[in-house]
Amino acid sequence: MANLGIPTYEDVKSAALRLKGHIKETPILRHDRLDEISGLKLFLKNETAQKTGTFKYRGAFSRLSALNEAQKQQGVVAFSSGNHAQGVALAAKELGISAIIVMPKTAPLKKKQGTRSHGATIVEYDPKTQVREEIAAQIGARDNRIVVPAYDDAHVISGQGSVGKEICEYFSALDTTLDALITPVGGGGLCAGISLSMQALSPKTKIYAAEPINYDDTYRSLQLGARVANANPPPTLCDALMSPSPGEITFSINQHSLSGVFRVTDQECLQAMAWVHELLGVTIEPGGSVALAAALSGQTGIAQGSTIAIVLSGGNVDDDVMALALQTKRD
């Protein structure tokens, strides 16, 4: 690893080797109707087709597979609203590691069920009165377990970087110039990992992030040039992107790689979810839809006709929220 635990593209390549044979190389999807709506040529990287229905498995397996045998025997503890939880749970199961996951009581039922189905033990907490990082740290100290961060970890970031590596290899095979890429951002692990790959393999491609308008900590952090937190924001359907602030490692990468951040509403996310479901038969969750929502909004300022990669980062959505999205489309 580079100094201060900040990964490089060499670390992404190392992670990709560990991931080979374990992850799925997810498809890139197209539809003319989405191009018509956005005025852009959209290529959708469908991470809902990944194990556990989200890119998070990549980073989780990267982190756990880098543990030595003694550390694996200690077991791990992680904290997550659901997608990282499922990724750690499945990776731990595959590697024979005991896992405890700290999850909010308010986490989507589907994400809790998925986490339990992989054999992990869930410890629930009240997000209004308790701090998940503190609970995980206490469990780690009590049981001598390794804490697996959701995003602010060099191995996790490197694993997520395999998404960007696959995108670059896809466009290289097409012999097509990728003008820009839009990825969801919460704590910043996916964005940082993709940035490492894009800067190494497609340095002329502009990188943008998208986040919920009520959880716009990355947008505000870039504006100020320093990390800022979300202070008592109103609720959002994008539970996967409700990070308190950008990570320290992730922001050190993203503040230099990003050309901008787009903020989208829950309504725009629901509309994007409905379009993808109708046109492509793919179910995405609100947090996984923010990059597409930004592209479809027509407010990005990206030149018409540009070739854009869009990351659909996850598809673990409860039925009632998906029903709301489909009703939004009908309305």
Protein backbone atom coordinates (compact mmCIF):
# COMPACT_ATOMS: atom_id res chain seq x y z
CA MET A 1 0.00 0.00 0.00
CA ALA A 2 1.06 3.58 -0.54
CA ASN A 3 1.89 5.88 2.38
CA LEU A 4 -0.84 6.63 4.94
CA GLY A 5 -2.83 3.63 3.76
CA ILE A 6 -3.88 5.38 0.56
CA PRO A 7 -4.16 2.75 -2.20
CA THR A 8 -2.95 3.04 -5.78
CA TYR A 9 -3.98 1.34 -9.01
CA GLU A 10 -1.37 -1.34 -8.29
CA ASP A 11 -3.45 -2.24 -5.23
CA VAL A 12 -6.58 -2.41 -7.41
CA LYS A 13 -4.80 -4.89 -9.67
CA SER A 14 -3.74 -6.98 -6.67
CA ALA A 15 -7.30 -6.95 -5.34
CA ALA A 16 -8.63 -7.96 -8.76
CA LEU A 17 -6.38 -11.03 -8.69
CA ARG A 18 -7.73 -12.04 -5.27
CA LEU A 19 -11.29 -11.46 -6.49
CA LYS A 20 -10.87 -13.51 -9.67
CA GLY A 21 -13.10 -16.56 -9.57
CA HIS A 22 -15.16 -15.13 -6.73
CA ILE A 23 -16.88 -12.05 -8.16
CA LYS A 24 -19.06 -11.84 -11.24
CA GLU A 25 -17.94 -9.56 -14.06
CA THR A 26 -21.20 -7.68 -14.26
CA PRO A 27 -22.81 -6.69 -17.57
CA ILE A 28 -23.09 -3.27 -19.16
CA LEU A 29 -26.61 -2.50 -20.37
CA ARG A 30 -27.97 -0.12 -23.01
CA HIS A 31 -31.39 1.17 -24.07
CA ASP A 32 -32.21 3.73 -26.74
CA ARG A 33 -35.04 5.23 -24.67
CA LEU A 34 -32.65 6.19 -21.88
CA ASP A 35 -30.40 7.87 -24.45
CA GLU A 36 -33.40 9.82 -25.76
CA ILE A 37 -34.42 11.02 -22.31
CA SER A 38 -30.91 12.05 -21.26
CA GLY A 39 -29.52 13.22 -24.59
CA LEU A 40 -26.47 11.09 -23.78
CA LYS A 41 -25.16 7.68 -24.77
CA LEU A 42 -25.61 5.80 -21.52
CA PHE A 43 -23.82 2.56 -20.67
CA LEU A 44 -25.14 1.09 -17.41
CA LYS A 45 -22.73 -1.00 -15.33
CA ASN A 46 -25.17 -3.34 -13.60
CA GLU A 47 -23.77 -4.15 -10.17
CA THR A 48 -27.19 -5.45 -9.11
CA ALA A 49 -26.04 -8.63 -10.89
CA GLN A 50 -23.11 -8.97 -8.48
CA LYS A 51 -23.19 -11.43 -5.58
CA THR A 52 -25.46 -10.03 -2.82
CA GLY A 53 -26.98 -7.67 -5.41
CA THR A 54 -24.42 -4.90 -4.91
CA PHE A 55 -20.81 -3.89 -5.58
CA LYS A 56 -20.09 -4.10 -1.84
CA TYR A 57 -19.15 -7.77 -2.06
CA ARG A 58 -16.05 -6.77 -4.03
CA GLY A 59 -14.60 -4.61 -1.28
CA ALA A 60 -15.62 -7.00 1.48
CA PHE A 61 -13.98 -10.01 -0.16
CA SER A 62 -10.89 -7.93 -0.95
CA ARG A 63 -10.54 -6.95 2.70
CA LEU A 64 -11.23 -10.37 4.20
CA SER A 65 -9.06 -12.25 1.70
CA ALA A 66 -6.13 -10.02 2.69
CA LEU A 67 -6.30 -11.18 6.33
CA ASN A 68 -3.67 -13.62 7.51
CA GLU A 69 -4.70 -16.97 8.99
CA ALA A 70 -4.44 -15.76 12.59
CA GLN A 71 -6.66 -12.77 11.83
CA LYS A 72 -9.20 -14.99 10.09
CA GLN A 73 -9.42 -17.10 13.24
CA GLN A 74 -10.20 -13.96 15.27
CA GLY A 75 -13.31 -13.23 13.23
CA VAL A 76 -14.57 -9.86 12.00
CA VAL A 77 -17.12 -7.20 12.89
CA ALA A 78 -18.60 -4.67 10.49
CA PHE A 79 -21.21 -1.90 10.59
CA SER A 80 -23.63 -1.21 7.75
CA SER A 81 -27.18 -0.29 6.81
CA GLY A 82 -27.26 -3.42 4.70
CA ASN A 83 -25.19 -3.74 1.52
CA HIS A 84 -21.75 -3.87 3.14
CA ALA A 85 -23.34 -6.11 5.77
CA GLN A 86 -24.35 -8.66 3.15
CA GLY A 87 -21.00 -8.41 1.39
CA VAL A 88 -19.04 -9.07 4.58
CA ALA A 89 -21.42 -11.85 5.62
CA LEU A 90 -21.06 -13.74 2.34
CA ALA A 91 -17.31 -13.18 2.02
CA ALA A 92 -16.86 -14.37 5.61
CA LYS A 93 -18.95 -17.47 4.93
CA GLU A 94 -16.91 -18.31 1.82
CA LEU A 95 -13.62 -17.82 3.67
CA GLY A 96 -14.68 -19.64 6.85
CA ILE A 97 -14.60 -16.51 9.05
CA SER A 98 -16.99 -15.69 11.90
CA ALA A 99 -18.81 -12.37 11.32
CA ILE A 100 -20.85 -10.01 13.49
CA ILE A 101 -22.65 -7.14 11.74
CA VAL A 102 -23.89 -3.98 13.50
CA MET A 103 -27.04 -2.82 11.69
CA PRO A 104 -29.61 -0.09 12.42
CA LYS A 105 -33.04 -1.24 13.54
CA THR A 106 -34.38 0.79 10.61
CA ALA A 107 -32.39 -1.14 7.95
CA PRO A 108 -34.51 -2.56 5.11
CA LEU A 109 -35.91 -5.99 5.94
CA LYS A 110 -34.49 -7.46 2.73
CA LYS A 111 -30.98 -6.43 3.72
CA LYS A 112 -31.32 -7.92 7.22
CA GLN A 113 -32.64 -11.17 5.78
CA GLY A 114 -29.81 -11.33 3.27
CA THR A 115 -27.20 -10.78 5.97
CA ARG A 116 -28.65 -13.49 8.21
CA SER A 117 -28.94 -15.91 5.30
CA HIS A 118 -25.16 -15.93 4.97
CA GLY A 119 -24.68 -16.93 8.61
CA ALA A 120 -23.65 -13.63 10.16
CA THR A 121 -24.84 -12.53 13.59
CA ILE A 122 -26.66 -9.18 13.58
CA VAL A 123 -26.45 -6.71 16.45
CA GLU A 124 -29.08 -4.00 16.03
CA TYR A 125 -28.80 -0.42 17.28
CA ASP A 126 -30.88 2.74 17.39
CA PRO A 127 -29.33 5.24 14.93
CA LYS A 128 -30.96 8.14 16.79
CA THR A 129 -29.22 7.42 20.09
CA GLN A 130 -26.28 5.13 19.34
CA VAL A 131 -23.14 5.34 17.19
CA ARG A 132 -22.45 2.27 15.07
CA GLU A 133 -18.70 2.80 14.88
CA GLU A 134 -18.49 2.83 18.68
CA ILE A 135 -20.54 -0.37 18.99
CA ALA A 136 -18.38 -2.16 16.41
CA ALA A 137 -15.21 -0.97 18.13
CA GLN A 138 -16.51 -2.26 21.49
CA ILE A 139 -17.34 -5.65 20.01
CA GLY A 140 -13.95 -5.76 18.31
CA ALA A 141 -12.14 -5.01 21.56
CA ARG A 142 -14.30 -7.42 23.60
CA ASP A 143 -14.00 -10.37 21.22
CA ASN A 144 -10.62 -9.50 19.64
CA ARG A 145 -12.28 -9.24 16.21
CA ILE A 146 -11.01 -7.34 13.18
CA VAL A 147 -13.15 -4.30 12.32
CA VAL A 148 -14.01 -4.15 8.60
CA PRO A 149 -14.91 -0.56 7.59
CA ALA A 150 -17.54 -0.05 4.91
CA TYR A 151 -15.43 2.32 2.82
CA ASP A 152 -12.49 4.00 4.56
CA ASP A 153 -10.03 1.15 4.12
CA ALA A 154 -7.37 0.65 1.46
CA HIS A 155 -8.27 -2.99 0.77
CA VAL A 156 -11.98 -2.18 0.54
CA ILE A 157 -11.33 0.73 -1.84
CA SER A 158 -9.04 -1.43 -3.98
CA GLY A 159 -11.72 -4.10 -4.26
CA GLN A 160 -14.31 -1.55 -5.35
CA GLY A 161 -11.80 -0.31 -7.91
CA SER A 162 -12.35 -3.54 -9.85
CA VAL A 163 -15.66 -1.99 -11.03
CA GLY A 164 -13.73 0.79 -12.75
CA LYS A 165 -11.17 -1.65 -14.12
CA GLU A 166 -13.93 -3.68 -15.79
CA ILE A 167 -15.53 -0.55 -17.24
CA CYS A 168 -12.22 0.61 -18.73
CA GLU A 169 -11.53 -2.82 -20.21
CA TYR A 170 -15.03 -2.88 -21.74
CA PHE A 171 -14.56 0.43 -23.56
CA SER A 172 -11.03 -0.48 -24.59
CA ALA A 173 -12.40 -3.64 -26.24
CA LEU A 174 -15.02 -1.51 -28.01
CA ASP A 175 -12.33 0.93 -29.10
CA THR A 176 -14.70 3.66 -27.91
CA THR A 177 -13.80 6.84 -26.03
CA LEU A 178 -15.52 7.12 -22.65
CA ASP A 179 -16.21 10.82 -22.10
CA ALA A 180 -17.42 10.63 -18.52
CA LEU A 181 -18.51 8.33 -15.73
CA ILE A 182 -21.07 8.94 -12.99
CA THR A 183 -21.01 6.84 -9.83
CA PRO A 184 -23.02 6.94 -6.61
CA VAL A 185 -21.18 8.28 -3.58
CA GLY A 186 -21.83 7.82 0.12
CA GLY A 187 -18.71 7.30 2.19
CA GLY A 188 -16.76 7.34 -1.06
CA GLY A 189 -15.22 3.87 -1.34
CA LEU A 190 -16.72 2.98 -4.72
CA CYS A 191 -15.98 6.43 -6.12
CA ALA A 192 -12.38 6.35 -4.87
CA GLY A 193 -11.72 2.86 -6.20
CA ILE A 194 -13.19 3.68 -9.60
CA SER A 195 -11.13 6.87 -9.66
CA LEU A 196 -7.90 4.91 -9.20
CA SER A 197 -8.77 2.70 -12.17
CA MET A 198 -9.99 5.50 -14.42
CA GLN A 199 -6.97 7.70 -13.78
CA ALA A 200 -4.65 4.81 -14.67
CA LEU A 201 -6.54 3.34 -17.63
CA SER A 202 -8.68 6.18 -19.02
CA PRO A 203 -7.18 9.43 -17.72
CA LYS A 204 -9.14 11.69 -20.10
CA THR A 205 -12.49 10.42 -18.81
CA LYS A 206 -14.18 12.88 -16.46
CA ILE A 207 -15.41 11.38 -13.20
CA TYR A 208 -18.57 12.60 -11.49
CA ALA A 209 -20.38 11.47 -8.37
CA ALA A 210 -24.06 11.61 -7.48
CA GLU A 211 -25.64 11.65 -4.04
CA PRO A 212 -28.99 12.37 -2.35
CA ILE A 213 -29.70 16.08 -2.01
CA ASN A 214 -30.30 15.64 1.74
CA TYR A 215 -27.00 13.79 2.19
CA ASP A 216 -24.75 16.01 0.08
CA ASP A 217 -21.64 15.85 2.26
CA THR A 218 -19.33 15.07 -0.68
CA TYR A 219 -20.69 18.03 -2.65
CA ARG A 220 -20.21 20.40 0.29
CA SER A 221 -16.82 18.93 1.17
CA LEU A 222 -15.54 19.58 -2.33
CA GLN A 223 -16.88 23.12 -2.18
CA LEU A 224 -15.02 23.79 1.07
CA GLY A 225 -11.92 21.74 0.34
CA ALA A 226 -12.30 19.77 3.57
CA ARG A 227 -14.54 17.01 4.88
CA VAL A 228 -17.84 18.14 6.35
CA ALA A 229 -20.56 16.08 7.98
CA ASN A 230 -24.29 15.80 7.46
CA ALA A 231 -25.89 17.55 10.42
CA ASN A 232 -29.32 16.06 11.24
CA PRO A 233 -30.46 15.74 7.61
CA PRO A 234 -34.06 14.83 6.82
CA PRO A 235 -34.75 11.21 5.85
CA THR A 236 -33.99 9.83 2.39
CA LEU A 237 -35.02 6.66 0.58
CA CYS A 238 -31.33 6.22 -0.31
CA ASP A 239 -30.45 4.27 2.84
CA ALA A 240 -27.27 2.93 1.23
CA LEU A 241 -25.85 6.47 0.94
CA MET A 242 -26.58 7.80 4.43
CA SER A 243 -22.93 8.09 5.47
CA PRO A 244 -22.24 10.74 8.11
CA SER A 245 -19.39 12.26 6.09
CA PRO A 246 -16.84 11.34 3.41
CA GLY A 247 -14.11 9.00 4.59
CA GLU A 248 -10.64 10.33 5.30
CA ILE A 249 -8.89 8.06 2.82
CA THR A 250 -11.68 8.21 0.25
CA PHE A 251 -11.89 12.00 0.28
CA SER A 252 -8.13 12.31 -0.14
CA ILE A 253 -8.63 10.53 -3.48
CA ASN A 254 -12.00 11.91 -4.55
CA GLN A 255 -11.24 15.58 -3.95
CA HIS A 256 -8.60 15.39 -6.67
CA SER A 257 -10.35 13.03 -9.09
CA LEU A 258 -13.91 14.36 -9.25
CA SER A 259 -15.00 16.89 -11.86
CA GLY A 260 -18.22 17.51 -9.95
CA VAL A 261 -21.01 16.09 -7.80
CA PHE A 262 -24.68 15.97 -8.76
CA ARG A 263 -27.40 16.09 -6.10
CA VAL A 264 -30.66 14.28 -6.79
CA THR A 265 -34.03 14.06 -5.07
CA ASP A 266 -35.78 10.92 -3.90
CA GLN A 267 -38.40 11.56 -6.57
CA GLU A 268 -35.75 11.56 -9.30
CA CYS A 269 -34.38 8.29 -7.89
CA LEU A 270 -37.83 6.67 -7.96
CA GLN A 271 -38.28 7.73 -11.58
CA ALA A 272 -34.89 6.25 -12.54
CA MET A 273 -35.76 3.01 -10.76
CA ALA A 274 -39.03 2.81 -12.68
CA TRP A 275 -37.40 3.44 -16.06
CA VAL A 276 -34.79 0.72 -15.55
CA HIS A 277 -37.41 -1.72 -14.35
CA GLU A 278 -39.69 -1.01 -17.30
CA LEU A 279 -37.07 -0.89 -20.05
CA LEU A 280 -34.49 -3.42 -18.87
CA GLY A 281 -36.30 -5.56 -16.31
CA VAL A 282 -33.69 -4.66 -13.69
CA THR A 283 -34.55 -3.80 -10.10
CA ILE A 284 -32.36 -1.14 -8.50
CA GLU A 285 -32.60 0.42 -5.06
CA PRO A 286 -32.83 4.19 -4.50
CA GLY A 287 -29.18 4.56 -3.53
CA GLY A 288 -28.15 2.49 -6.53
CA SER A 289 -30.10 4.74 -8.89
CA VAL A 290 -28.61 8.16 -8.09
CA ALA A 291 -26.08 8.19 -10.96
CA LEU A 292 -28.76 7.34 -13.50
CA ALA A 293 -31.17 9.80 -11.87
CA ALA A 294 -28.58 12.53 -12.36
CA ALA A 295 -28.09 11.64 -16.02
CA LEU A 296 -31.84 11.55 -16.70
CA SER A 297 -32.42 14.88 -14.94
CA GLY A 298 -30.88 16.85 -17.80
CA GLN A 299 -29.09 19.06 -15.28
CA THR A 300 -25.55 17.65 -15.49
CA GLY A 301 -24.19 20.11 -18.04
CA ILE A 302 -22.45 17.26 -19.84
CA ALA A 303 -22.35 17.83 -23.61
CA GLN A 304 -25.21 16.24 -25.54
CA GLY A 305 -24.27 12.99 -27.25
CA SER A 306 -21.40 12.24 -24.86
CA THR A 307 -20.62 8.62 -24.04
CA ILE A 308 -21.24 8.11 -20.33
CA ALA A 309 -20.78 5.12 -18.02
CA ILE A 310 -23.37 4.94 -15.25
CA VAL A 311 -22.89 2.71 -12.20
CA LEU A 312 -26.05 1.01 -10.94
CA SER A 313 -24.55 0.13 -7.59
CA GLY A 314 -27.20 -2.01 -5.92
CA GLY A 315 -30.61 -3.62 -6.15
CA ASN A 316 -31.60 -4.57 -2.61
CA VAL A 317 -34.92 -2.77 -2.22
CA ASP A 318 -37.97 -3.67 -0.16
CA ASP A 319 -41.17 -4.36 -2.09
CA ASP A 320 -43.01 -1.30 -0.77
CA VAL A 321 -40.32 1.08 -2.02
CA MET A 322 -40.23 -0.60 -5.42
CA ALA A 323 -44.01 -0.33 -5.61
CA LEU A 324 -43.68 3.37 -4.85
CA ALA A 325 -41.24 3.74 -7.74
CA LEU A 326 -43.54 1.97 -10.17
CA GLN A 327 -46.45 4.12 -9.03
CA THR A 328 -44.31 7.20 -9.60
CA LYS A 329 -43.72 6.13 -13.20
CA ARG A 330 -47.46 5.65 -13.77
CA ASP A 331 -48.20 9.06 -12.27
